[in-house]
Amino acid sequence: MINEVDADDNRTIDFPKFLNLMARKIKNIDSEEELKKTFQFFDKNQNGFISIVELRHVMSNLGEKLVDEEVDEMIHRVDVDGHGHINYEEFVKVMMANSLGW
């Protein structure tokens, strides 16, 4: 899956590549329920937020070893309210914007 967006074949994924990957997944989602399941995949402790630790864990399981600064950047670019994590509304907004090419 990572290889699909790693055009420069450097075995890393930056935030734009991550959004590209997620946008491809979102385009195949037909319902609100599927979007919620995608969010829950990232929200490992099911508290309604994707934390830096959870994002790092998911990316690591996808085979991506990100440095702390890269994960921090991903969170901060999406974290509209500035609380240090991504809530469901922020997740939907960024995923839908990317899938529509905004």
Protein backbone atom coordinates (compact mmCIF):
# COMPACT_ATOMS: atom_id res chain seq x y z
CA MET A 1 0.00 0.00 0.00
CA ILE A 2 2.80 2.44 0.87
CA ASN A 3 4.55 1.63 -2.40
CA GLU A 4 1.54 3.07 -4.26
CA VAL A 5 2.34 6.60 -3.06
CA ASP A 6 6.11 6.35 -2.68
CA ALA A 7 6.85 7.62 -6.19
CA ASP A 8 10.44 8.55 -5.39
CA ASP A 9 11.00 5.07 -3.90
CA ASN A 10 12.77 6.41 -0.82
CA ARG A 11 10.77 4.15 1.55
CA THR A 12 9.49 7.13 3.51
CA ILE A 13 6.10 8.74 3.61
CA ASP A 14 5.70 12.43 4.32
CA PHE A 15 2.44 14.19 5.11
CA PRO A 16 1.43 14.84 1.47
CA LYS A 17 2.08 11.18 0.63
CA PHE A 18 0.06 10.13 3.69
CA LEU A 19 -2.86 12.29 2.57
CA ASN A 20 -2.61 10.87 -0.94
CA LEU A 21 -2.73 7.34 0.48
CA MET A 22 -5.72 8.12 2.68
CA ALA A 23 -7.52 9.93 -0.15
CA ARG A 24 -7.24 6.78 -2.26
CA LYS A 25 -8.76 4.77 0.58
CA ILE A 26 -11.53 7.33 1.15
CA LYS A 27 -12.57 7.31 -2.52
CA ASN A 28 -13.56 3.68 -2.00
CA ILE A 29 -15.68 4.45 1.05
CA ASP A 30 -19.38 4.41 0.28
CA SER A 31 -20.89 5.36 3.60
CA GLU A 32 -20.50 7.34 6.78
CA GLU A 33 -20.17 4.02 8.61
CA GLU A 34 -17.11 3.07 6.58
CA LEU A 35 -15.56 6.47 7.27
CA LYS A 36 -16.14 5.93 11.00
CA LYS A 37 -14.49 2.50 10.77
CA THR A 38 -11.47 4.07 9.08
CA PHE A 39 -11.23 6.63 11.90
CA GLN A 40 -11.57 3.87 14.50
CA PHE A 41 -8.72 1.99 12.83
CA PHE A 42 -6.46 4.90 13.79
CA ASP A 43 -8.15 5.57 17.16
CA LYS A 44 -6.74 2.50 18.90
CA ASN A 45 -7.99 3.34 22.40
CA GLN A 46 -11.41 4.40 21.05
CA ASN A 47 -11.45 7.71 22.93
CA GLY A 48 -12.63 9.69 19.90
CA PHE A 49 -9.23 11.14 19.03
CA ILE A 50 -6.18 10.11 17.02
CA SER A 51 -3.14 10.90 19.13
CA ILE A 52 0.47 11.25 18.08
CA VAL A 53 1.16 7.84 19.64
CA GLU A 54 -1.72 6.21 17.75
CA LEU A 55 -0.70 7.77 14.45
CA ARG A 56 2.89 6.64 14.96
CA HIS A 57 1.66 3.12 15.82
CA VAL A 58 -0.50 2.84 12.69
CA MET A 59 2.20 4.21 10.42
CA SER A 60 4.72 1.80 11.94
CA ASN A 61 2.34 -1.11 11.32
CA LEU A 62 2.08 0.04 7.71
CA GLY A 63 5.85 -0.33 7.52
CA GLU A 64 6.72 3.35 7.89
CA LYS A 65 9.24 4.44 10.47
CA LEU A 66 8.61 8.13 11.03
CA VAL A 67 10.69 10.42 13.17
CA ASP A 68 8.83 12.24 15.92
CA GLU A 69 8.91 15.52 14.02
CA GLU A 70 7.14 13.97 11.01
CA VAL A 71 4.32 12.57 13.15
CA ASP A 72 4.04 15.89 15.00
CA GLU A 73 3.76 17.69 11.66
CA MET A 74 1.00 15.34 10.48
CA ILE A 75 -1.02 15.96 13.63
CA HIS A 76 -0.49 19.72 13.68
CA ARG A 77 -1.44 20.19 10.02
CA VAL A 78 -4.81 18.52 10.64
CA ASP A 79 -5.42 19.55 14.26
CA VAL A 80 -7.58 22.61 13.66
CA ASP A 81 -8.46 23.20 17.31
CA GLY A 82 -4.85 22.89 18.50
CA HIS A 83 -5.40 20.22 21.16
CA GLY A 84 -2.59 17.96 19.92
CA HIS A 85 -4.78 15.23 18.48
CA ILE A 86 -7.21 14.71 15.60
CA ASN A 87 -10.91 14.44 16.34
CA TYR A 88 -13.42 12.80 14.02
CA GLU A 89 -14.59 16.08 12.46
CA GLU A 90 -11.01 17.11 11.63
CA PHE A 91 -10.34 13.65 10.20
CA VAL A 92 -13.43 13.77 7.96
CA LYS A 93 -12.65 17.30 6.81
CA VAL A 94 -9.09 16.54 5.74
CA MET A 95 -9.96 13.17 4.18
CA MET A 96 -12.89 14.55 2.21
CA ALA A 97 -10.93 17.61 1.10
CA ASN A 98 -8.13 15.39 -0.16
CA SER A 99 -10.43 12.93 -1.89
CA LEU A 100 -12.04 15.84 -3.73
CA GLY A 101 -8.66 17.30 -4.66
CA TRP A 102 -8.95 20.47 -2.55
